[in-house]
Amino acid sequence: MELSHWQERIDLAAAFRSAARLN
């Protein structure tokens, strides 16, 4: 299982959501 990869994707999605909320 590659949780590290998933975690990186979740972090990216979270950052994207944060940016969308700020915009």
N, C-alpha and C. Protein backbone atom coordinates (compact mmCIF):
# COMPACT_ATOMS: atom_id res chain seq x y z
N MET A 1 0.85 -1.21 0.00
CA MET A 1 0.00 0.00 0.00
C MET A 1 0.87 1.25 0.00
N GLU A 2 0.48 2.22 -0.79
CA GLU A 2 1.26 3.47 -0.84
C GLU A 2 0.46 4.62 -0.25
N LEU A 3 0.50 4.72 1.05
CA LEU A 3 -0.26 5.78 1.72
C LEU A 3 0.44 7.13 1.55
N SER A 4 1.76 7.07 1.43
CA SER A 4 2.53 8.30 1.29
C SER A 4 2.05 9.07 0.06
N HIS A 5 1.88 8.34 -1.03
CA HIS A 5 1.43 8.98 -2.27
C HIS A 5 0.05 9.60 -2.08
N TRP A 6 -0.82 8.84 -1.43
CA TRP A 6 -2.19 9.34 -1.20
C TRP A 6 -2.15 10.57 -0.33
N GLN A 7 -1.32 10.53 0.71
CA GLN A 7 -1.23 11.68 1.63
C GLN A 7 -0.78 12.93 0.85
N GLU A 8 0.15 12.74 -0.06
CA GLU A 8 0.64 13.89 -0.83
C GLU A 8 -0.48 14.47 -1.67
N ARG A 9 -1.30 13.58 -2.22
CA ARG A 9 -2.42 14.05 -3.07
C ARG A 9 -3.44 14.76 -2.21
N ILE A 10 -3.69 14.24 -1.03
CA ILE A 10 -4.67 14.87 -0.13
C ILE A 10 -4.16 16.26 0.26
N ASP A 11 -2.87 16.36 0.52
CA ASP A 11 -2.29 17.65 0.90
C ASP A 11 -2.46 18.65 -0.25
N LEU A 12 -2.25 18.19 -1.46
CA LEU A 12 -2.38 19.06 -2.62
C LEU A 12 -3.84 19.51 -2.76
N ALA A 13 -4.75 18.57 -2.60
CA ALA A 13 -6.19 18.90 -2.71
C ALA A 13 -6.58 19.89 -1.62
N ALA A 14 -6.04 19.69 -0.43
CA ALA A 14 -6.37 20.59 0.69
C ALA A 14 -5.85 22.00 0.36
N ALA A 15 -4.66 22.08 -0.16
CA ALA A 15 -4.08 23.39 -0.50
C ALA A 15 -4.92 24.05 -1.60
N PHE A 16 -5.35 23.26 -2.56
CA PHE A 16 -6.16 23.79 -3.66
C PHE A 16 -7.48 24.33 -3.12
N ARG A 17 -8.08 23.57 -2.19
CA ARG A 17 -9.37 23.99 -1.61
C ARG A 17 -9.16 25.27 -0.81
N SER A 18 -8.07 25.33 -0.10
CA SER A 18 -7.79 26.52 0.72
C SER A 18 -7.65 27.74 -0.20
N ALA A 19 -6.96 27.55 -1.30
CA ALA A 19 -6.75 28.67 -2.24
C ALA A 19 -8.09 29.07 -2.86
N ALA A 20 -8.90 28.11 -3.19
CA ALA A 20 -10.20 28.41 -3.80
C ALA A 20 -11.07 29.19 -2.80
N ARG A 21 -10.95 28.84 -1.53
CA ARG A 21 -11.77 29.52 -0.51
C ARG A 21 -11.25 30.95 -0.33
N LEU A 22 -9.95 31.12 -0.43
CA LEU A 22 -9.37 32.44 -0.23
C LEU A 22 -9.70 33.34 -1.42
N ASN A 23 -9.72 32.76 -2.60
CA ASN A 23 -10.01 33.55 -3.80
C ASN A 23 -11.45 34.01 -3.79
